[in-house]
């Protein structure tokens, strides 16, 4: 473990398939954020609105975790397209 609690020594570059999976997951999380937010704004039931707001926050956390994963692996990414 390096200082700060992150272990960058064992990170490997992400494969194209892994990058595609993360991109798809981020797209799905973004859609869920928008749907929960929109439904929460139009919902008249306070309990359901609260659940939708919570779910929107959960999906924002998922999106941020995926983005953080990409950012942690960015230094390992090749700078030139791979043949």
C-alpha atoms as a PDB file:
ATOM      1  CA  UNK A   1       0.000   0.000   0.000  1.00  0.00           C
ATOM      2  CA  UNK A   2       1.311   3.406  -0.866  1.00  0.00           C
ATOM      3  CA  UNK A   3       0.732   6.557   1.136  1.00  0.00           C
ATOM      4  CA  UNK A   4      -2.874   7.738   0.941  1.00  0.00           C
ATOM      5  CA  UNK A   5      -4.398   4.271   1.059  1.00  0.00           C
ATOM      6  CA  UNK A   6      -4.316   3.481  -2.656  1.00  0.00           C
ATOM      7  CA  UNK A   7      -2.381   0.607  -4.115  1.00  0.00           C
ATOM      8  CA  UNK A   8      -1.256   1.723  -7.561  1.00  0.00           C
ATOM      9  CA  UNK A   9       1.469  -0.897  -7.819  1.00  0.00           C
ATOM     10  CA  UNK A  10      -0.937  -3.638  -8.871  1.00  0.00           C
ATOM     11  CA  UNK A  11      -2.957  -1.633 -11.410  1.00  0.00           C
ATOM     12  CA  UNK A  12      -2.933  -3.006 -14.933  1.00  0.00           C
ATOM     13  CA  UNK A  13      -4.079  -1.152 -18.039  1.00  0.00           C
ATOM     14  CA  UNK A  14      -7.748  -1.707 -18.801  1.00  0.00           C
ATOM     15  CA  UNK A  15      -8.584  -3.840 -21.807  1.00  0.00           C
ATOM     16  CA  UNK A  16     -10.762  -2.547 -24.628  1.00  0.00           C
ATOM     17  CA  UNK A  17     -13.575  -4.789 -23.391  1.00  0.00           C
ATOM     18  CA  UNK A  18     -13.266  -3.416 -19.859  1.00  0.00           C
ATOM     19  CA  UNK A  19     -13.300   0.160 -21.163  1.00  0.00           C
ATOM     20  CA  UNK A  20     -16.407  -0.625 -23.216  1.00  0.00           C
ATOM     21  CA  UNK A  21     -18.105  -2.151 -20.174  1.00  0.00           C
ATOM     22  CA  UNK A  22     -17.288   0.898 -18.040  1.00  0.00           C
ATOM     23  CA  UNK A  23     -18.519   3.282 -20.750  1.00  0.00           C
ATOM     24  CA  UNK A  24     -21.782   1.323 -21.076  1.00  0.00           C
ATOM     25  CA  UNK A  25     -22.198   1.271 -17.310  1.00  0.00           C
ATOM     26  CA  UNK A  26     -21.615   5.019 -17.078  1.00  0.00           C
ATOM     27  CA  UNK A  27     -24.180   5.598 -19.804  1.00  0.00           C
ATOM     28  CA  UNK A  28     -26.691   3.398 -17.962  1.00  0.00           C
ATOM     29  CA  UNK A  29     -26.045   5.164 -14.652  1.00  0.00           C
ATOM     30  CA  UNK A  30     -26.469   8.550 -16.347  1.00  0.00           C
ATOM     31  CA  UNK A  31     -29.816   7.467 -17.772  1.00  0.00           C
ATOM     32  CA  UNK A  32     -30.965   6.192 -14.365  1.00  0.00           C
ATOM     33  CA  UNK A  33     -29.934   9.491 -12.728  1.00  0.00           C
ATOM     34  CA  UNK A  34     -31.992  11.420 -15.269  1.00  0.00           C
ATOM     35  CA  UNK A  35     -35.007   9.115 -14.952  1.00  0.00           C
ATOM     36  CA  UNK A  36     -35.029   9.172 -11.148  1.00  0.00           C
ATOM     37  CA  UNK A  37     -34.547  12.936 -11.061  1.00  0.00           C
ATOM     38  CA  UNK A  38     -37.297  13.562 -13.598  1.00  0.00           C
ATOM     39  CA  UNK A  39     -39.733  11.203 -11.885  1.00  0.00           C
ATOM     40  CA  UNK A  40     -38.902  12.741  -8.495  1.00  0.00           C
ATOM     41  CA  UNK A  41     -39.692  16.222  -9.774  1.00  0.00           C
ATOM     42  CA  UNK A  42     -43.108  15.190 -11.096  1.00  0.00           C
ATOM     43  CA  UNK A  43     -44.076  12.821  -8.276  1.00  0.00           C
ATOM     44  CA  UNK A  44     -46.765  14.068  -5.888  1.00  0.00           C
ATOM     45  CA  UNK A  45     -46.301  11.362  -3.245  1.00  0.00           C
ATOM     46  CA  UNK A  46     -43.621  12.591  -0.781  1.00  0.00           C
ATOM     47  CA  UNK A  47     -42.511   9.070   0.182  1.00  0.00           C
ATOM     48  CA  UNK A  48     -42.036   7.993  -3.417  1.00  0.00           C
ATOM     49  CA  UNK A  49     -40.304  11.301  -4.209  1.00  0.00           C
ATOM     50  CA  UNK A  50     -37.872  10.658  -1.359  1.00  0.00           C
ATOM     51  CA  UNK A  51     -37.097   7.158  -2.660  1.00  0.00           C
ATOM     52  CA  UNK A  52     -36.518   8.523  -6.170  1.00  0.00           C
ATOM     53  CA  UNK A  53     -34.215  11.251  -4.853  1.00  0.00           C
ATOM     54  CA  UNK A  54     -32.269   8.652  -2.887  1.00  0.00           C
ATOM     55  CA  UNK A  55     -31.969   6.394  -5.937  1.00  0.00           C
ATOM     56  CA  UNK A  56     -30.755   9.333  -8.000  1.00  0.00           C
ATOM     57  CA  UNK A  57     -27.999   9.927  -5.412  1.00  0.00           C
ATOM     58  CA  UNK A  58     -27.087   6.224  -5.406  1.00  0.00           C
ATOM     59  CA  UNK A  59     -26.712   6.236  -9.187  1.00  0.00           C
ATOM     60  CA  UNK A  60     -24.620   9.431  -8.994  1.00  0.00           C
ATOM     61  CA  UNK A  61     -22.296   7.610  -6.585  1.00  0.00           C
ATOM     62  CA  UNK A  62     -22.066   4.648  -8.980  1.00  0.00           C
ATOM     63  CA  UNK A  63     -21.278   7.004 -11.877  1.00  0.00           C
ATOM     64  CA  UNK A  64     -18.600   8.758  -9.813  1.00  0.00           C
ATOM     65  CA  UNK A  65     -17.040   5.423  -8.794  1.00  0.00           C
ATOM     66  CA  UNK A  66     -16.788   4.391 -12.445  1.00  0.00           C
ATOM     67  CA  UNK A  67     -15.286   7.761 -13.365  1.00  0.00           C
ATOM     68  CA  UNK A  68     -12.770   7.446 -10.520  1.00  0.00           C
ATOM     69  CA  UNK A  69     -11.782   4.006 -11.821  1.00  0.00           C
ATOM     70  CA  UNK A  70     -11.076   5.481 -15.242  1.00  0.00           C
ATOM     71  CA  UNK A  71      -9.100   8.337 -13.727  1.00  0.00           C
ATOM     72  CA  UNK A  72      -6.980   5.945 -11.643  1.00  0.00           C
ATOM     73  CA  UNK A  73      -6.134   3.930 -14.752  1.00  0.00           C
ATOM     74  CA  UNK A  74      -5.535   6.932 -17.011  1.00  0.00           C
ATOM     75  CA  UNK A  75      -1.771   7.088 -16.338  1.00  0.00           C
ATOM     76  CA  UNK A  76      -1.509   3.458 -17.511  1.00  0.00           C
ATOM     77  CA  UNK A  77      -3.329   4.036 -20.790  1.00  0.00           C
ATOM     78  CA  UNK A  78      -1.273   4.008 -23.966  1.00  0.00           C
ATOM     79  CA  UNK A  79      -0.719   7.439 -25.501  1.00  0.00           C
ATOM     80  CA  UNK A  80      -0.846   6.126 -29.070  1.00  0.00           C
ATOM     81  CA  UNK A  81      -3.571   3.985 -30.692  1.00  0.00           C
ATOM     82  CA  UNK A  82      -2.759   0.305 -30.483  1.00  0.00           C
ATOM     83  CA  UNK A  83      -2.334  -1.588 -33.763  1.00  0.00           C
END
